Amino acid sequence: MNSVAGQGHRTVPHTADLRIEAWAPTREGCLAETVRGLVSSFANVAGAAPHRTTKRHMTTGSADDLLAAVG
């Protein structure tokens, strides 16, 4: 589980699937935590720091579509 100042994520056991619960004060923060949870499901990122960041502006009709687009 990852948790920093009101935001974080955790994986939830589920047969044959990966489930991630993510929380943050903003929708963008929740999406970022979801991506962090997805990456940490297959890569050890503990203590890792980004070498660079990239910003993307994504638009979509619904929150579900936006989550699918970033995942």
PDB file of N, CA and C in Angstrom:
ATOM      1  N   MET A   1       0.845  -1.184   0.000  1.00  0.00           N
ATOM      2  CA  MET A   1       0.000   0.000   0.000  1.00  0.00           C
ATOM      3  C   MET A   1       0.886   1.240   0.000  1.00  0.00           C
ATOM      4  N   ASN A   2       0.473   2.216  -0.737  1.00  0.00           N
ATOM      5  CA  ASN A   2       1.189   3.488  -0.816  1.00  0.00           C
ATOM      6  C   ASN A   2       0.251   4.568  -0.301  1.00  0.00           C
ATOM      7  N   SER A   3       0.751   5.427   0.576  1.00  0.00           N
ATOM      8  CA  SER A   3      -0.105   6.492   1.081  1.00  0.00           C
ATOM      9  C   SER A   3       0.738   7.715   1.437  1.00  0.00           C
ATOM     10  N   VAL A   4       0.414   8.840   0.826  1.00  0.00           N
ATOM     11  CA  VAL A   4       1.117  10.092   1.086  1.00  0.00           C
ATOM     12  C   VAL A   4       0.086  11.203   1.155  1.00  0.00           C
ATOM     13  N   ALA A   5      -0.010  11.874   2.295  1.00  0.00           N
ATOM     14  CA  ALA A   5      -0.845  13.071   2.469  1.00  0.00           C
ATOM     15  C   ALA A   5      -2.210  12.985   1.805  1.00  0.00           C
ATOM     16  N   GLY A   6      -3.009  11.993   2.202  1.00  0.00           N
ATOM     17  CA  GLY A   6      -4.373  11.908   1.696  1.00  0.00           C
ATOM     18  C   GLY A   6      -4.517  11.297   0.318  1.00  0.00           C
ATOM     19  N   GLN A   7      -3.456  10.711  -0.190  1.00  0.00           N
ATOM     20  CA  GLN A   7      -3.578  10.012  -1.462  1.00  0.00           C
ATOM     21  C   GLN A   7      -2.815   8.713  -1.382  1.00  0.00           C
ATOM     22  N   GLY A   8      -3.217   7.741  -2.168  1.00  0.00           N
ATOM     23  CA  GLY A   8      -2.537   6.459  -2.154  1.00  0.00           C
ATOM     24  C   GLY A   8      -3.259   5.450  -3.010  1.00  0.00           C
ATOM     25  N   HIS A   9      -2.786   4.218  -2.943  1.00  0.00           N
ATOM     26  CA  HIS A   9      -3.411   3.130  -3.677  1.00  0.00           C
ATOM     27  C   HIS A   9      -3.115   1.814  -2.970  1.00  0.00           C
ATOM     28  N   ARG A  10      -3.887   0.808  -3.274  1.00  0.00           N
ATOM     29  CA  ARG A  10      -3.631  -0.531  -2.796  1.00  0.00           C
ATOM     30  C   ARG A  10      -4.251  -1.514  -3.773  1.00  0.00           C
ATOM     31  N   THR A  11      -3.684  -2.705  -3.809  1.00  0.00           N
ATOM     32  CA  THR A  11      -4.285  -3.751  -4.632  1.00  0.00           C
ATOM     33  C   THR A  11      -5.263  -4.521  -3.769  1.00  0.00           C
ATOM     34  N   VAL A  12      -6.294  -5.017  -4.395  1.00  0.00           N
ATOM     35  CA  VAL A  12      -7.342  -5.755  -3.715  1.00  0.00           C
ATOM     36  C   VAL A  12      -7.403  -7.138  -4.339  1.00  0.00           C
ATOM     37  N   PRO A  13      -7.321  -8.201  -3.541  1.00  0.00           N
ATOM     38  CA  PRO A  13      -7.343  -9.550  -4.105  1.00  0.00           C
ATOM     39  C   PRO A  13      -8.608  -9.805  -4.927  1.00  0.00           C
ATOM     40  N   HIS A  14      -8.401 -10.439  -6.073  1.00  0.00           N
ATOM     41  CA  HIS A  14      -9.517 -10.805  -6.932  1.00  0.00           C
ATOM     42  C   HIS A  14      -9.051 -11.946  -7.818  1.00  0.00           C
ATOM     43  N   THR A  15      -9.871 -12.952  -7.973  1.00  0.00           N
ATOM     44  CA  THR A  15      -9.520 -14.112  -8.768  1.00  0.00           C
ATOM     45  C   THR A  15      -9.234 -13.730 -10.213  1.00  0.00           C
ATOM     46  N   ALA A  16      -8.025 -14.026 -10.672  1.00  0.00           N
ATOM     47  CA  ALA A  16      -7.596 -13.872 -12.071  1.00  0.00           C
ATOM     48  C   ALA A  16      -7.600 -12.442 -12.593  1.00  0.00           C
ATOM     49  N   ASP A  17      -7.748 -11.470 -11.738  1.00  0.00           N
ATOM     50  CA  ASP A  17      -7.745 -10.070 -12.154  1.00  0.00           C
ATOM     51  C   ASP A  17      -6.866  -9.258 -11.205  1.00  0.00           C
ATOM     52  N   LEU A  18      -6.553  -8.066 -11.630  1.00  0.00           N
ATOM     53  CA  LEU A  18      -5.879  -7.104 -10.766  1.00  0.00           C
ATOM     54  C   LEU A  18      -6.881  -6.004 -10.466  1.00  0.00           C
ATOM     55  N   ARG A  19      -7.102  -5.756  -9.200  1.00  0.00           N
ATOM     56  CA  ARG A  19      -7.967  -4.647  -8.784  1.00  0.00           C
ATOM     57  C   ARG A  19      -7.137  -3.665  -7.986  1.00  0.00           C
ATOM     58  N   ILE A  20      -7.307  -2.402  -8.316  1.00  0.00           N
ATOM     59  CA  ILE A  20      -6.574  -1.342  -7.635  1.00  0.00           C
ATOM     60  C   ILE A  20      -7.580  -0.350  -7.079  1.00  0.00           C
ATOM     61  N   GLU A  21      -7.441  -0.047  -5.805  1.00  0.00           N
ATOM     62  CA  GLU A  21      -8.212   1.034  -5.204  1.00  0.00           C
ATOM     63  C   GLU A  21      -7.268   2.219  -5.078  1.00  0.00           C
ATOM     64  N   ALA A  22      -7.682   3.371  -5.568  1.00  0.00           N
ATOM     65  CA  ALA A  22      -6.845   4.569  -5.513  1.00  0.00           C
ATOM     66  C   ALA A  22      -7.665   5.717  -4.953  1.00  0.00           C
ATOM     67  N   TRP A  23      -6.989   6.593  -4.216  1.00  0.00           N
ATOM     68  CA  TRP A  23      -7.681   7.757  -3.655  1.00  0.00           C
ATOM     69  C   TRP A  23      -6.737   8.954  -3.644  1.00  0.00           C
ATOM     70  N   ALA A  24      -7.313  10.116  -3.787  1.00  0.00           N
ATOM     71  CA  ALA A  24      -6.602  11.395  -3.755  1.00  0.00           C
ATOM     72  C   ALA A  24      -7.644  12.501  -3.715  1.00  0.00           C
ATOM     73  N   PRO A  25      -7.252  13.715  -3.373  1.00  0.00           N
ATOM     74  CA  PRO A  25      -8.206  14.818  -3.303  1.00  0.00           C
ATOM     75  C   PRO A  25      -8.795  15.221  -4.664  1.00  0.00           C
ATOM     76  N   THR A  26      -8.087  14.925  -5.754  1.00  0.00           N
ATOM     77  CA  THR A  26      -8.571  15.328  -7.081  1.00  0.00           C
ATOM     78  C   THR A  26      -8.692  14.115  -8.004  1.00  0.00           C
ATOM     79  N   ARG A  27      -9.458  14.265  -9.063  1.00  0.00           N
ATOM     80  CA  ARG A  27      -9.591  13.197 -10.043  1.00  0.00           C
ATOM     81  C   ARG A  27      -8.235  12.884 -10.680  1.00  0.00           C
ATOM     82  N   GLU A  28      -7.469  13.928 -10.987  1.00  0.00           N
ATOM     83  CA  GLU A  28      -6.156  13.726 -11.586  1.00  0.00           C
ATOM     84  C   GLU A  28      -5.238  12.946 -10.646  1.00  0.00           C
ATOM     85  N   GLY A  29      -5.318  13.261  -9.356  1.00  0.00           N
ATOM     86  CA  GLY A  29      -4.527  12.537  -8.369  1.00  0.00           C
ATOM     87  C   GLY A  29      -4.930  11.077  -8.274  1.00  0.00           C
ATOM     88  N   CYS A  30      -6.222  10.809  -8.345  1.00  0.00           N
ATOM     89  CA  CYS A  30      -6.711   9.426  -8.325  1.00  0.00           C
ATOM     90  C   CYS A  30      -6.207   8.657  -9.541  1.00  0.00           C
ATOM     91  N   LEU A  31      -6.227   9.289 -10.698  1.00  0.00           N
ATOM     92  CA  LEU A  31      -5.720   8.636 -11.906  1.00  0.00           C
ATOM     93  C   LEU A  31      -4.223   8.354 -11.783  1.00  0.00           C
ATOM     94  N   ALA A  32      -3.465   9.309 -11.264  1.00  0.00           N
ATOM     95  CA  ALA A  32      -2.025   9.109 -11.079  1.00  0.00           C
ATOM     96  C   ALA A  32      -1.763   7.955 -10.119  1.00  0.00           C
ATOM     97  N   GLU A  33      -2.510   7.873  -9.032  1.00  0.00           N
ATOM     98  CA  GLU A  33      -2.342   6.776  -8.077  1.00  0.00           C
ATOM     99  C   GLU A  33      -2.717   5.441  -8.708  1.00  0.00           C
ATOM    100  N   THR A  34      -3.728   5.431  -9.556  1.00  0.00           N
ATOM    101  CA  THR A  34      -4.108   4.205 -10.253  1.00  0.00           C
ATOM    102  C   THR A  34      -2.971   3.715 -11.131  1.00  0.00           C
ATOM    103  N   VAL A  35      -2.346   4.628 -11.863  1.00  0.00           N
ATOM    104  CA  VAL A  35      -1.208   4.258 -12.714  1.00  0.00           C
ATOM    105  C   VAL A  35      -0.047   3.765 -11.851  1.00  0.00           C
ATOM    106  N   ARG A  36       0.219   4.430 -10.740  1.00  0.00           N
ATOM    107  CA  ARG A  36       1.287   3.970  -9.836  1.00  0.00           C
ATOM    108  C   ARG A  36       1.001   2.550  -9.342  1.00  0.00           C
ATOM    109  N   GLY A  37      -0.253   2.293  -9.004  1.00  0.00           N
ATOM    110  CA  GLY A  37      -0.638   0.955  -8.553  1.00  0.00           C
ATOM    111  C   GLY A  37      -0.467  -0.086  -9.641  1.00  0.00           C
ATOM    112  N   LEU A  38      -0.831   0.266 -10.861  1.00  0.00           N
ATOM    113  CA  LEU A  38      -0.672  -0.655 -11.984  1.00  0.00           C
ATOM    114  C   LEU A  38       0.808  -0.977 -12.210  1.00  0.00           C
ATOM    115  N   VAL A  39       1.649   0.054 -12.250  1.00  0.00           N
ATOM    116  CA  VAL A  39       3.089  -0.154 -12.483  1.00  0.00           C
ATOM    117  C   VAL A  39       3.697  -0.972 -11.347  1.00  0.00           C
ATOM    118  N   SER A  40       3.330  -0.670 -10.112  1.00  0.00           N
ATOM    119  CA  SER A  40       3.921  -1.397  -8.987  1.00  0.00           C
ATOM    120  C   SER A  40       3.455  -2.847  -8.932  1.00  0.00           C
ATOM    121  N   SER A  41       2.439  -3.218  -9.702  1.00  0.00           N
ATOM    122  CA  SER A  41       1.996  -4.613  -9.736  1.00  0.00           C
ATOM    123  C   SER A  41       2.972  -5.493 -10.512  1.00  0.00           C
ATOM    124  N   PHE A  42       3.832  -4.900 -11.346  1.00  0.00           N
ATOM    125  CA  PHE A  42       4.782  -5.707 -12.107  1.00  0.00           C
ATOM    126  C   PHE A  42       6.227  -5.198 -12.028  1.00  0.00           C
ATOM    127  N   ALA A  43       6.471  -4.074 -11.362  1.00  0.00           N
ATOM    128  CA  ALA A  43       7.821  -3.530 -11.254  1.00  0.00           C
ATOM    129  C   ALA A  43       8.062  -3.044  -9.830  1.00  0.00           C
ATOM    130  N   ASN A  44       9.262  -3.270  -9.330  1.00  0.00           N
ATOM    131  CA  ASN A  44       9.631  -2.782  -8.011  1.00  0.00           C
ATOM    132  C   ASN A  44      10.070  -1.327  -8.166  1.00  0.00           C
ATOM    133  N   VAL A  45       9.228  -0.421  -7.730  1.00  0.00           N
ATOM    134  CA  VAL A  45       9.513   1.006  -7.881  1.00  0.00           C
ATOM    135  C   VAL A  45       9.808   1.680  -6.543  1.00  0.00           C
ATOM    136  N   ALA A  46       9.971   0.891  -5.501  1.00  0.00           N
ATOM    137  CA  ALA A  46      10.254   1.447  -4.172  1.00  0.00           C
ATOM    138  C   ALA A  46      11.567   2.217  -4.214  1.00  0.00           C
ATOM    139  N   GLY A  47      11.540   3.447  -3.788  1.00  0.00           N
ATOM    140  CA  GLY A  47      12.732   4.275  -3.749  1.00  0.00           C
ATOM    141  C   GLY A  47      13.149   4.852  -5.091  1.00  0.00           C
ATOM    142  N   ALA A  48      12.395   4.557  -6.126  1.00  0.00           N
ATOM    143  CA  ALA A  48      12.735   5.077  -7.455  1.00  0.00           C
ATOM    144  C   ALA A  48      12.278   6.531  -7.581  1.00  0.00           C
ATOM    145  N   ALA A  49      13.049   7.302  -8.299  1.00  0.00           N
ATOM    146  CA  ALA A  49      12.700   8.696  -8.568  1.00  0.00           C
ATOM    147  C   ALA A  49      12.655   8.892 -10.087  1.00  0.00           C
ATOM    148  N   PRO A  50      11.713   9.680 -10.574  1.00  0.00           N
ATOM    149  CA  PRO A  50      11.637   9.877 -12.026  1.00  0.00           C
ATOM    150  C   PRO A  50      12.849  10.648 -12.559  1.00  0.00           C
ATOM    151  N   HIS A  51      13.298  10.258 -13.723  1.00  0.00           N
ATOM    152  CA  HIS A  51      14.377  10.983 -14.406  1.00  0.00           C
ATOM    153  C   HIS A  51      13.813  12.144 -15.205  1.00  0.00           C
ATOM    154  N   ARG A  52      12.577  11.983 -15.637  1.00  0.00           N
ATOM    155  CA  ARG A  52      11.878  13.044 -16.344  1.00  0.00           C
ATOM    156  C   ARG A  52      10.381  12.790 -16.223  1.00  0.00           C
ATOM    157  N   THR A  53       9.597  13.792 -16.450  1.00  0.00           N
ATOM    158  CA  THR A  53       8.146  13.659 -16.436  1.00  0.00           C
ATOM    159  C   THR A  53       7.590  14.179 -17.756  1.00  0.00           C
ATOM    160  N   THR A  54       6.446  13.668 -18.094  1.00  0.00           N
ATOM    161  CA  THR A  54       5.761  14.089 -19.311  1.00  0.00           C
ATOM    162  C   THR A  54       4.325  14.387 -18.949  1.00  0.00           C
ATOM    163  N   LYS A  55       3.816  15.487 -19.420  1.00  0.00           N
ATOM    164  CA  LYS A  55       2.414  15.832 -19.181  1.00  0.00           C
ATOM    165  C   LYS A  55       1.613  15.547 -20.443  1.00  0.00           C
ATOM    166  N   ARG A  56       0.436  15.006 -20.237  1.00  0.00           N
ATOM    167  CA  ARG A  56      -0.485  14.751 -21.337  1.00  0.00           C
ATOM    168  C   ARG A  56      -1.840  15.348 -20.973  1.00  0.00           C
ATOM    169  N   HIS A  57      -2.462  15.966 -21.927  1.00  0.00           N
ATOM    170  CA  HIS A  57      -3.818  16.489 -21.732  1.00  0.00           C
ATOM    171  C   HIS A  57      -4.759  15.497 -22.391  1.00  0.00           C
ATOM    172  N   MET A  58      -5.590  14.861 -21.576  1.00  0.00           N
ATOM    173  CA  MET A  58      -6.499  13.844 -22.092  1.00  0.00           C
ATOM    174  C   MET A  58      -7.927  14.298 -21.854  1.00  0.00           C
ATOM    175  N   THR A  59      -8.728  14.161 -22.862  1.00  0.00           N
ATOM    176  CA  THR A  59     -10.147  14.487 -22.729  1.00  0.00           C
ATOM    177  C   THR A  59     -10.962  13.268 -23.138  1.00  0.00           C
ATOM    178  N   THR A  60     -12.085  13.126 -22.505  1.00  0.00           N
ATOM    179  CA  THR A  60     -12.980  12.019 -22.817  1.00  0.00           C
ATOM    180  C   THR A  60     -14.361  12.329 -22.265  1.00  0.00           C
ATOM    181  N   GLY A  61     -15.311  11.527 -22.651  1.00  0.00           N
ATOM    182  CA  GLY A  61     -16.674  11.776 -22.243  1.00  0.00           C
ATOM    183  C   GLY A  61     -16.997  11.394 -20.801  1.00  0.00           C
ATOM    184  N   SER A  62     -16.366  10.321 -20.292  1.00  0.00           N
ATOM    185  CA  SER A  62     -16.726   9.869 -18.956  1.00  0.00           C
ATOM    186  C   SER A  62     -15.462   9.546 -18.147  1.00  0.00           C
ATOM    187  N   ALA A  63     -15.637   9.447 -16.850  1.00  0.00           N
ATOM    188  CA  ALA A  63     -14.529   9.096 -15.968  1.00  0.00           C
ATOM    189  C   ALA A  63     -14.024   7.689 -16.267  1.00  0.00           C
ATOM    190  N   ASP A  64     -14.908   6.770 -16.591  1.00  0.00           N
ATOM    191  CA  ASP A  64     -14.507   5.402 -16.929  1.00  0.00           C
ATOM    192  C   ASP A  64     -13.645   5.375 -18.184  1.00  0.00           C
ATOM    193  N   ASP A  65     -14.028   6.160 -19.188  1.00  0.00           N
ATOM    194  CA  ASP A  65     -13.231   6.228 -20.418  1.00  0.00           C
ATOM    195  C   ASP A  65     -11.853   6.826 -20.155  1.00  0.00           C
ATOM    196  N   LEU A  66     -11.797   7.836 -19.306  1.00  0.00           N
ATOM    197  CA  LEU A  66     -10.521   8.450 -18.967  1.00  0.00           C
ATOM    198  C   LEU A  66      -9.616   7.466 -18.243  1.00  0.00           C
ATOM    199  N   LEU A  67     -10.165   6.699 -17.322  1.00  0.00           N
ATOM    200  CA  LEU A  67      -9.394   5.693 -16.602  1.00  0.00           C
ATOM    201  C   LEU A  67      -8.866   4.636 -17.577  1.00  0.00           C
ATOM    202  N   ALA A  68      -9.681   4.200 -18.494  1.00  0.00           N
ATOM    203  CA  ALA A  68      -9.235   3.232 -19.500  1.00  0.00           C
ATOM    204  C   ALA A  68      -8.144   3.809 -20.387  1.00  0.00           C
ATOM    205  N   ALA A  69      -8.210   5.093 -20.693  1.00  0.00           N
ATOM    206  CA  ALA A  69      -7.215   5.733 -21.565  1.00  0.00           C
ATOM    207  C   ALA A  69      -5.848   5.821 -20.894  1.00  0.00           C
ATOM    208  N   VAL A  70      -5.804   6.087 -19.593  1.00  0.00           N
ATOM    209  CA  VAL A  70      -4.516   6.196 -18.916  1.00  0.00           C
ATOM    210  C   VAL A  70      -3.963   4.831 -18.511  1.00  0.00           C
ATOM    211  N   GLY A  71      -4.817   3.841 -18.370  1.00  0.00           N
ATOM    212  CA  GLY A  71      -4.370   2.503 -17.973  1.00  0.00           C
ATOM    213  C   GLY A  71      -3.892   1.753 -19.138  1.00  0.00           C
TER     214      GLY A  71
END
